[in-house]
Amino acid sequence: MTRTLRDLDGDDVAALQELIESDPAYAEHLTGYPPGPTDALSALVGVPEGFDPSGKRGVGLWDGPVLVAFADVLLGYPDLDAVTIGLLMVHRSHRGRGVGRELHAGVLERVRTESGAARMRVGVVATVADTAGAFWSAIGYAPTGEVRPYRYDRLTSEVAIWERAVDRR
């Protein structure tokens, strides 16, 4: 079946929730808790303080009726020259098949057409740095040296900012 890339909307909350719940350990590494019942809705609507929600895209990669990957994309964050991927998650049963790379390629193409951004950013939380860092490095991201405190309720860690150029064709 051919995979399709499209923005998610309110009708896709259940599919996103299923994707998030496909790997409870991932949520626990990032938050200290298993997935909660409103995590999908939060992923679709949550934005950083002061960010215009019109710049947010919840991009999904679908394999037929199944949401196999999701990216939370913030166009123009933290400045107009940047796009930040707040979360990129692949359904547990679809990992190791190039799905994350395919989703990122689709997001990158959208960034090229929808924004004038010159760079893309991600924050790699230390609690998932071993696996996440390998993925981001493989698709052209590198640490900037910027490290910030990371806190989610009782979980305390650090987040390293990684970047890559938006290569214009």
N, C-alpha and C. Protein backbone atom coordinates (compact mmCIF):
# COMPACT_ATOMS: atom_id res chain seq x y z
N MET A 1 0.83 -1.18 0.00
CA MET A 1 0.00 0.00 0.00
C MET A 1 0.88 1.25 0.00
N THR A 2 0.49 2.27 -0.71
CA THR A 2 1.25 3.51 -0.79
C THR A 2 0.97 4.37 0.44
N ARG A 3 2.02 4.92 0.99
CA ARG A 3 1.87 5.80 2.15
C ARG A 3 1.53 7.21 1.68
N THR A 4 0.75 7.90 2.50
CA THR A 4 0.38 9.28 2.19
C THR A 4 0.72 10.19 3.37
N LEU A 5 1.08 11.41 3.04
CA LEU A 5 1.43 12.41 4.03
C LEU A 5 0.35 13.48 4.02
N ARG A 6 -0.17 13.82 5.21
CA ARG A 6 -1.15 14.90 5.29
C ARG A 6 -1.21 15.45 6.70
N ASP A 7 -1.73 16.69 6.78
CA ASP A 7 -1.93 17.30 8.10
C ASP A 7 -3.04 16.56 8.83
N LEU A 8 -2.88 16.43 10.13
CA LEU A 8 -3.91 15.83 10.96
C LEU A 8 -4.88 16.90 11.42
N ASP A 9 -6.10 16.48 11.72
CA ASP A 9 -7.09 17.41 12.26
C ASP A 9 -7.83 16.70 13.39
N GLY A 10 -8.88 17.31 13.87
CA GLY A 10 -9.63 16.77 15.00
C GLY A 10 -10.16 15.37 14.78
N ASP A 11 -10.42 15.00 13.54
CA ASP A 11 -10.92 13.65 13.25
C ASP A 11 -9.84 12.58 13.41
N ASP A 12 -8.57 12.99 13.56
CA ASP A 12 -7.46 12.06 13.64
C ASP A 12 -6.93 11.82 15.05
N VAL A 13 -7.61 12.38 16.04
CA VAL A 13 -7.13 12.27 17.42
C VAL A 13 -7.00 10.81 17.85
N ALA A 14 -7.97 9.98 17.54
CA ALA A 14 -7.92 8.57 17.97
C ALA A 14 -6.75 7.84 17.32
N ALA A 15 -6.49 8.11 16.05
CA ALA A 15 -5.37 7.46 15.37
C ALA A 15 -4.04 7.89 15.98
N LEU A 16 -3.93 9.19 16.31
CA LEU A 16 -2.70 9.67 16.93
C LEU A 16 -2.55 9.10 18.34
N GLN A 17 -3.63 8.99 19.07
CA GLN A 17 -3.56 8.42 20.41
C GLN A 17 -3.08 6.96 20.34
N GLU A 18 -3.57 6.21 19.35
CA GLU A 18 -3.13 4.82 19.18
C GLU A 18 -1.64 4.77 18.87
N LEU A 19 -1.15 5.67 18.04
CA LEU A 19 0.28 5.71 17.72
C LEU A 19 1.07 5.99 19.00
N ILE A 20 0.66 6.98 19.77
CA ILE A 20 1.36 7.33 21.01
C ILE A 20 1.36 6.15 21.98
N GLU A 21 0.24 5.47 22.08
CA GLU A 21 0.14 4.34 23.00
C GLU A 21 0.86 3.09 22.50
N SER A 22 1.31 3.09 21.25
CA SER A 22 2.02 1.93 20.72
C SER A 22 3.38 1.72 21.39
N ASP A 23 3.89 2.76 22.05
CA ASP A 23 5.18 2.64 22.73
C ASP A 23 5.14 3.40 24.06
N PRO A 24 4.54 2.80 25.07
CA PRO A 24 4.43 3.48 26.36
C PRO A 24 5.79 3.86 26.96
N ALA A 25 6.82 3.07 26.69
CA ALA A 25 8.14 3.37 27.25
C ALA A 25 8.67 4.70 26.75
N TYR A 26 8.38 5.04 25.48
CA TYR A 26 8.83 6.32 24.93
C TYR A 26 8.23 7.49 25.72
N ALA A 27 6.94 7.43 25.96
CA ALA A 27 6.29 8.48 26.74
C ALA A 27 6.89 8.56 28.14
N GLU A 28 7.15 7.42 28.73
CA GLU A 28 7.72 7.42 30.08
C GLU A 28 9.11 8.02 30.11
N HIS A 29 9.91 7.80 29.06
CA HIS A 29 11.25 8.41 29.00
C HIS A 29 11.16 9.93 28.88
N LEU A 30 10.13 10.43 28.22
CA LEU A 30 9.99 11.88 28.00
C LEU A 30 9.24 12.60 29.12
N THR A 31 8.34 11.89 29.78
CA THR A 31 7.48 12.55 30.76
C THR A 31 7.54 11.95 32.16
N GLY A 32 8.03 10.74 32.26
CA GLY A 32 8.01 10.05 33.54
C GLY A 32 6.71 9.30 33.77
N TYR A 33 5.80 9.34 32.80
CA TYR A 33 4.49 8.70 32.92
C TYR A 33 4.16 7.92 31.66
N PRO A 34 3.31 6.91 31.79
CA PRO A 34 2.80 6.25 30.57
C PRO A 34 1.90 7.24 29.81
N PRO A 35 1.58 6.93 28.56
CA PRO A 35 0.71 7.84 27.81
C PRO A 35 -0.61 8.08 28.53
N GLY A 36 -1.05 9.33 28.49
CA GLY A 36 -2.33 9.69 29.09
C GLY A 36 -3.40 9.78 28.03
N PRO A 37 -4.67 9.79 28.43
CA PRO A 37 -5.78 9.74 27.47
C PRO A 37 -5.93 10.99 26.60
N THR A 38 -5.28 12.09 26.97
CA THR A 38 -5.38 13.31 26.17
C THR A 38 -4.07 13.70 25.49
N ASP A 39 -3.10 12.80 25.46
CA ASP A 39 -1.81 13.12 24.86
C ASP A 39 -1.92 13.48 23.38
N ALA A 40 -2.77 12.79 22.63
CA ALA A 40 -2.91 13.08 21.20
C ALA A 40 -3.47 14.48 20.99
N LEU A 41 -4.49 14.82 21.72
CA LEU A 41 -5.08 16.15 21.58
C LEU A 41 -4.04 17.23 21.94
N SER A 42 -3.30 17.00 23.00
CA SER A 42 -2.26 17.94 23.39
C SER A 42 -1.21 18.10 22.30
N ALA A 43 -0.83 16.99 21.67
CA ALA A 43 0.17 17.04 20.59
C ALA A 43 -0.35 17.83 19.39
N LEU A 44 -1.65 17.76 19.15
CA LEU A 44 -2.22 18.46 17.99
C LEU A 44 -2.43 19.95 18.23
N VAL A 45 -2.69 20.36 19.45
CA VAL A 45 -3.05 21.76 19.68
C VAL A 45 -2.04 22.55 20.51
N GLY A 46 -1.18 21.88 21.25
CA GLY A 46 -0.25 22.58 22.13
C GLY A 46 0.82 23.34 21.36
N VAL A 47 1.10 24.57 21.80
CA VAL A 47 2.17 25.38 21.22
C VAL A 47 2.94 26.06 22.35
N PRO A 48 4.19 26.42 22.08
CA PRO A 48 4.95 27.16 23.10
C PRO A 48 4.32 28.52 23.38
N GLU A 49 4.54 29.02 24.56
CA GLU A 49 4.00 30.32 24.95
C GLU A 49 4.47 31.38 23.97
N GLY A 50 3.51 32.18 23.50
CA GLY A 50 3.82 33.27 22.58
C GLY A 50 3.87 32.88 21.12
N PHE A 51 3.75 31.60 20.80
CA PHE A 51 3.81 31.15 19.41
C PHE A 51 2.42 31.21 18.78
N ASP A 52 2.34 31.71 17.57
CA ASP A 52 1.07 31.81 16.84
C ASP A 52 0.66 30.41 16.36
N PRO A 53 -0.46 29.88 16.84
CA PRO A 53 -0.89 28.52 16.48
C PRO A 53 -1.07 28.31 14.97
N SER A 54 -1.21 29.38 14.19
CA SER A 54 -1.36 29.19 12.74
C SER A 54 -0.09 28.64 12.10
N GLY A 55 1.03 28.70 12.79
CA GLY A 55 2.28 28.16 12.28
C GLY A 55 2.51 26.71 12.65
N LYS A 56 1.57 26.10 13.34
CA LYS A 56 1.72 24.70 13.78
C LYS A 56 1.13 23.75 12.74
N ARG A 57 1.87 22.69 12.47
CA ARG A 57 1.39 21.61 11.60
C ARG A 57 1.58 20.29 12.33
N GLY A 58 0.54 19.50 12.40
CA GLY A 58 0.64 18.13 12.88
C GLY A 58 0.62 17.26 11.63
N VAL A 59 1.76 16.77 11.24
CA VAL A 59 1.90 16.06 9.97
C VAL A 59 1.92 14.56 10.23
N GLY A 60 1.07 13.84 9.52
CA GLY A 60 0.98 12.40 9.69
C GLY A 60 1.37 11.66 8.43
N LEU A 61 2.00 10.51 8.61
CA LEU A 61 2.29 9.60 7.51
C LEU A 61 1.39 8.39 7.71
N TRP A 62 0.57 8.12 6.71
CA TRP A 62 -0.44 7.07 6.79
C TRP A 62 -0.07 5.92 5.86
N ASP A 63 -0.27 4.71 6.33
CA ASP A 63 -0.16 3.51 5.51
C ASP A 63 -1.58 2.96 5.43
N GLY A 64 -2.28 3.37 4.38
CA GLY A 64 -3.71 3.06 4.31
C GLY A 64 -4.42 3.78 5.43
N PRO A 65 -5.21 3.06 6.24
CA PRO A 65 -5.95 3.71 7.31
C PRO A 65 -5.16 3.86 8.62
N VAL A 66 -3.90 3.41 8.63
CA VAL A 66 -3.10 3.39 9.86
C VAL A 66 -2.11 4.55 9.88
N LEU A 67 -2.15 5.34 10.94
CA LEU A 67 -1.18 6.40 11.14
C LEU A 67 0.11 5.74 11.64
N VAL A 68 1.16 5.79 10.82
CA VAL A 68 2.41 5.10 11.16
C VAL A 68 3.48 6.04 11.71
N ALA A 69 3.30 7.36 11.50
CA ALA A 69 4.27 8.31 12.04
C ALA A 69 3.63 9.69 12.13
N PHE A 70 4.17 10.49 13.05
CA PHE A 70 3.64 11.82 13.32
C PHE A 70 4.79 12.78 13.59
N ALA A 71 4.66 14.01 13.09
CA ALA A 71 5.62 15.06 13.40
C ALA A 71 4.86 16.32 13.80
N ASP A 72 5.27 16.91 14.90
CA ASP A 72 4.75 18.18 15.38
C ASP A 72 5.71 19.25 14.85
N VAL A 73 5.24 20.09 13.92
CA VAL A 73 6.10 21.02 13.20
C VAL A 73 5.67 22.45 13.50
N LEU A 74 6.63 23.28 13.90
CA LEU A 74 6.37 24.68 14.22
C LEU A 74 7.13 25.56 13.21
N LEU A 75 6.40 26.11 12.25
CA LEU A 75 6.99 26.99 11.25
C LEU A 75 7.28 28.35 11.87
N GLY A 76 8.53 28.82 11.73
CA GLY A 76 8.89 30.13 12.27
C GLY A 76 9.17 30.12 13.76
N TYR A 77 9.64 29.00 14.29
CA TYR A 77 9.95 28.91 15.71
C TYR A 77 11.35 28.38 15.90
N PRO A 78 12.18 29.01 16.70
CA PRO A 78 11.92 30.13 17.60
C PRO A 78 12.04 31.50 16.92
N ASP A 79 12.40 31.51 15.62
CA ASP A 79 12.45 32.75 14.86
C ASP A 79 12.05 32.43 13.42
N LEU A 80 11.86 33.45 12.61
CA LEU A 80 11.36 33.25 11.25
C LEU A 80 12.31 32.46 10.37
N ASP A 81 13.57 32.36 10.75
CA ASP A 81 14.57 31.64 9.97
C ASP A 81 14.60 30.15 10.30
N ALA A 82 13.73 29.71 11.22
CA ALA A 82 13.79 28.33 11.71
C ALA A 82 12.44 27.64 11.66
N VAL A 83 12.51 26.33 11.60
CA VAL A 83 11.36 25.44 11.78
C VAL A 83 11.79 24.44 12.85
N THR A 84 10.93 24.22 13.82
CA THR A 84 11.25 23.27 14.89
C THR A 84 10.32 22.07 14.82
N ILE A 85 10.91 20.90 14.88
CA ILE A 85 10.13 19.67 15.01
C ILE A 85 10.09 19.38 16.51
N GLY A 86 8.90 19.54 17.08
CA GLY A 86 8.75 19.35 18.52
C GLY A 86 8.68 17.89 18.91
N LEU A 87 8.20 17.05 18.01
CA LEU A 87 8.09 15.62 18.26
C LEU A 87 8.03 14.92 16.92
N LEU A 88 8.77 13.86 16.79
CA LEU A 88 8.64 12.97 15.64
C LEU A 88 8.56 11.57 16.22
N MET A 89 7.48 10.89 15.94
CA MET A 89 7.25 9.58 16.54
C MET A 89 6.78 8.60 15.48
N VAL A 90 7.34 7.41 15.52
CA VAL A 90 6.97 6.33 14.60
C VAL A 90 6.28 5.23 15.41
N HIS A 91 5.20 4.71 14.86
CA HIS A 91 4.47 3.61 15.50
C HIS A 91 5.46 2.48 15.78
N ARG A 92 5.38 1.93 16.96
CA ARG A 92 6.34 0.90 17.38
C ARG A 92 6.44 -0.25 16.38
N SER A 93 5.33 -0.68 15.82
CA SER A 93 5.36 -1.82 14.90
C SER A 93 5.89 -1.46 13.51
N HIS A 94 6.19 -0.19 13.26
CA HIS A 94 6.69 0.23 11.95
C HIS A 94 8.12 0.77 12.00
N ARG A 95 8.78 0.65 13.13
CA ARG A 95 10.16 1.14 13.26
C ARG A 95 11.12 0.25 12.49
N GLY A 96 12.21 0.86 12.08
CA GLY A 96 13.25 0.12 11.38
C GLY A 96 12.93 -0.13 9.92
N ARG A 97 11.94 0.56 9.39
CA ARG A 97 11.52 0.37 8.00
C ARG A 97 11.67 1.65 7.16
N GLY A 98 12.35 2.65 7.69
CA GLY A 98 12.52 3.90 6.96
C GLY A 98 11.35 4.86 7.07
N VAL A 99 10.40 4.56 7.95
CA VAL A 99 9.20 5.38 8.09
C VAL A 99 9.55 6.77 8.64
N GLY A 100 10.39 6.84 9.65
CA GLY A 100 10.79 8.14 10.21
C GLY A 100 11.51 8.99 9.18
N ARG A 101 12.39 8.37 8.44
CA ARG A 101 13.13 9.06 7.38
C ARG A 101 12.16 9.57 6.30
N GLU A 102 11.19 8.74 5.93
CA GLU A 102 10.20 9.13 4.92
C GLU A 102 9.35 10.31 5.41
N LEU A 103 8.91 10.24 6.67
CA LEU A 103 8.14 11.35 7.23
C LEU A 103 8.97 12.62 7.23
N HIS A 104 10.22 12.54 7.68
CA HIS A 104 11.07 13.72 7.71
C HIS A 104 11.27 14.30 6.31
N ALA A 105 11.46 13.46 5.32
CA ALA A 105 11.63 13.95 3.95
C ALA A 105 10.39 14.72 3.50
N GLY A 106 9.21 14.22 3.86
CA GLY A 106 7.97 14.93 3.53
C GLY A 106 7.86 16.26 4.25
N VAL A 107 8.25 16.27 5.52
CA VAL A 107 8.22 17.51 6.29
C VAL A 107 9.21 18.51 5.69
N LEU A 108 10.40 18.05 5.35
CA LEU A 108 11.41 18.92 4.76
C LEU A 108 10.91 19.54 3.46
N GLU A 109 10.24 18.75 2.63
CA GLU A 109 9.70 19.27 1.38
C GLU A 109 8.63 20.34 1.66
N ARG A 110 7.81 20.11 2.66
CA ARG A 110 6.80 21.11 3.03
C ARG A 110 7.45 22.39 3.55
N VAL A 111 8.51 22.25 4.32
CA VAL A 111 9.23 23.41 4.83
C VAL A 111 9.78 24.23 3.66
N ARG A 112 10.30 23.54 2.67
CA ARG A 112 10.83 24.24 1.49
C ARG A 112 9.75 25.05 0.77
N THR A 113 8.53 24.53 0.71
CA THR A 113 7.47 25.20 -0.04
C THR A 113 6.64 26.17 0.80
N GLU A 114 6.57 25.95 2.12
CA GLU A 114 5.69 26.77 2.96
C GLU A 114 6.41 27.83 3.78
N SER A 115 7.73 27.81 3.78
CA SER A 115 8.43 28.79 4.62
C SER A 115 9.73 29.20 3.95
N GLY A 116 10.27 30.28 4.43
CA GLY A 116 11.57 30.74 3.97
C GLY A 116 12.67 30.35 4.94
N ALA A 117 12.37 29.42 5.82
CA ALA A 117 13.34 29.02 6.85
C ALA A 117 14.61 28.46 6.23
N ALA A 118 15.72 28.76 6.86
CA ALA A 118 17.01 28.28 6.41
C ALA A 118 17.50 27.08 7.22
N ARG A 119 16.87 26.87 8.39
CA ARG A 119 17.34 25.76 9.23
C ARG A 119 16.17 25.09 9.93
N MET A 120 16.39 23.81 10.24
CA MET A 120 15.42 23.03 11.00
C MET A 120 16.07 22.66 12.32
N ARG A 121 15.25 22.64 13.38
CA ARG A 121 15.74 22.37 14.72
C ARG A 121 14.95 21.25 15.38
N VAL A 122 15.61 20.53 16.25
CA VAL A 122 14.96 19.54 17.11
C VAL A 122 15.62 19.64 18.48
N GLY A 123 14.87 19.24 19.48
CA GLY A 123 15.42 19.14 20.82
C GLY A 123 15.52 17.68 21.19
N VAL A 124 16.71 17.23 21.52
CA VAL A 124 16.94 15.83 21.88
C VAL A 124 17.06 15.74 23.39
N VAL A 125 16.04 15.15 24.01
CA VAL A 125 16.01 15.01 25.47
C VAL A 125 17.01 13.92 25.87
N ALA A 126 17.79 14.18 26.89
CA ALA A 126 18.85 13.27 27.31
C ALA A 126 18.34 11.86 27.59
N THR A 127 17.11 11.72 28.07
CA THR A 127 16.59 10.40 28.42
C THR A 127 16.33 9.51 27.20
N VAL A 128 16.33 10.10 25.99
CA VAL A 128 16.16 9.30 24.76
C VAL A 128 17.29 9.57 23.77
N ALA A 129 18.37 10.20 24.25
CA ALA A 129 19.44 10.65 23.36
C ALA A 129 20.14 9.52 22.60
N ASP A 130 20.26 8.34 23.21
CA ASP A 130 20.97 7.26 22.52
C ASP A 130 20.30 6.90 21.20
N THR A 131 19.01 6.65 21.21
CA THR A 131 18.32 6.27 19.98
C THR A 131 17.96 7.49 19.14
N ALA A 132 17.46 8.53 19.76
CA ALA A 132 17.05 9.72 19.00
C ALA A 132 18.24 10.39 18.35
N GLY A 133 19.34 10.49 19.05
CA GLY A 133 20.53 11.13 18.49
C GLY A 133 21.04 10.41 17.26
N ALA A 134 21.02 9.09 17.27
CA ALA A 134 21.46 8.33 16.10
C ALA A 134 20.57 8.61 14.90
N PHE A 135 19.25 8.69 15.12
CA PHE A 135 18.32 8.97 14.04
C PHE A 135 18.57 10.36 13.46
N TRP A 136 18.61 11.38 14.32
CA TRP A 136 18.77 12.76 13.84
C TRP A 136 20.11 12.95 13.14
N SER A 137 21.14 12.34 13.66
CA SER A 137 22.45 12.43 13.02
C SER A 137 22.43 11.82 11.61
N ALA A 138 21.75 10.69 11.48
CA ALA A 138 21.69 10.00 10.18
C ALA A 138 20.97 10.81 9.10
N ILE A 139 20.11 11.75 9.51
CA ILE A 139 19.40 12.56 8.50
C ILE A 139 19.90 14.00 8.47
N GLY A 140 21.13 14.20 8.93
CA GLY A 140 21.81 15.47 8.71
C GLY A 140 21.80 16.49 9.82
N TYR A 141 21.28 16.15 10.98
CA TYR A 141 21.27 17.09 12.11
C TYR A 141 22.56 16.93 12.91
N ALA A 142 22.96 18.02 13.56
CA ALA A 142 24.13 17.99 14.43
C ALA A 142 23.85 18.86 15.65
N PRO A 143 24.44 18.51 16.78
CA PRO A 143 24.25 19.32 17.98
C PRO A 143 24.80 20.74 17.78
N THR A 144 24.07 21.73 18.29
CA THR A 144 24.53 23.12 18.20
C THR A 144 25.41 23.50 19.39
N GLY A 145 25.38 22.68 20.42
CA GLY A 145 26.08 23.00 21.65
C GLY A 145 25.15 23.66 22.67
N GLU A 146 23.97 24.04 22.22
CA GLU A 146 22.98 24.65 23.11
C GLU A 146 22.28 23.54 23.90
N VAL A 147 22.32 23.64 25.20
CA VAL A 147 21.68 22.67 26.09
C VAL A 147 20.84 23.45 27.09
N ARG A 148 19.62 22.98 27.27
CA ARG A 148 18.69 23.65 28.19
C ARG A 148 18.18 22.64 29.21
N PRO A 149 17.75 23.14 30.35
CA PRO A 149 17.11 22.25 31.32
C PRO A 149 15.78 21.74 30.73
N TYR A 150 15.43 20.53 31.07
CA TYR A 150 14.17 19.94 30.64
C TYR A 150 13.46 19.43 31.87
N ARG A 151 12.20 19.81 32.01
CA ARG A 151 11.43 19.35 33.16
C ARG A 151 10.01 19.06 32.72
N TYR A 152 9.54 17.91 33.10
CA TYR A 152 8.14 17.53 32.90
C TYR A 152 7.66 16.97 34.22
N ASP A 153 6.89 17.75 34.95
CA ASP A 153 6.42 17.38 36.29
C ASP A 153 7.61 16.98 37.15
N ARG A 154 7.73 15.70 37.49
CA ARG A 154 8.82 15.29 38.38
C ARG A 154 10.07 14.81 37.63
N LEU A 155 9.98 14.68 36.30
CA LEU A 155 11.13 14.26 35.50
C LEU A 155 12.01 15.47 35.20
N THR A 156 13.27 15.38 35.57
CA THR A 156 14.22 16.45 35.30
C THR A 156 15.35 15.89 34.45
N SER A 157 15.68 16.59 33.37
CA SER A 157 16.72 16.14 32.46
C SER A 157 17.28 17.37 31.73
N GLU A 158 17.87 17.13 30.58
CA GLU A 158 18.36 18.20 29.72
C GLU A 158 17.91 17.94 28.30
N VAL A 159 17.81 19.01 27.51
CA VAL A 159 17.51 18.87 26.09
C VAL A 159 18.62 19.58 25.32
N ALA A 160 19.19 18.86 24.36
CA ALA A 160 20.22 19.42 23.49
C ALA A 160 19.56 19.83 22.17
N ILE A 161 19.87 21.02 21.69
CA ILE A 161 19.32 21.51 20.43
C ILE A 161 20.22 21.06 19.29
N TRP A 162 19.59 20.45 18.29
CA TRP A 162 20.29 20.00 17.09
C TRP A 162 19.69 20.76 15.90
N GLU A 163 20.49 20.97 14.87
CA GLU A 163 20.03 21.67 13.67
C GLU A 163 20.58 21.04 12.40
N ARG A 164 19.90 21.38 11.31
CA ARG A 164 20.39 21.07 9.97
C ARG A 164 19.91 22.18 9.04
N ALA A 165 20.58 22.33 7.93
CA ALA A 165 20.19 23.33 6.94
C ALA A 165 18.98 22.84 6.16
N VAL A 166 18.15 23.78 5.71
CA VAL A 166 17.08 23.48 4.77
C VAL A 166 17.70 23.70 3.39
N ASP A 167 18.16 22.62 2.81
CA ASP A 167 18.81 22.73 1.50
C ASP A 167 17.76 23.09 0.47
N ARG A 168 17.97 24.20 -0.21
CA ARG A 168 17.05 24.64 -1.26
C ARG A 168 17.44 23.96 -2.56
N ARG A 169 16.44 23.52 -3.29
CA ARG A 169 16.74 22.84 -4.58
C ARG A 169 16.73 23.81 -5.70
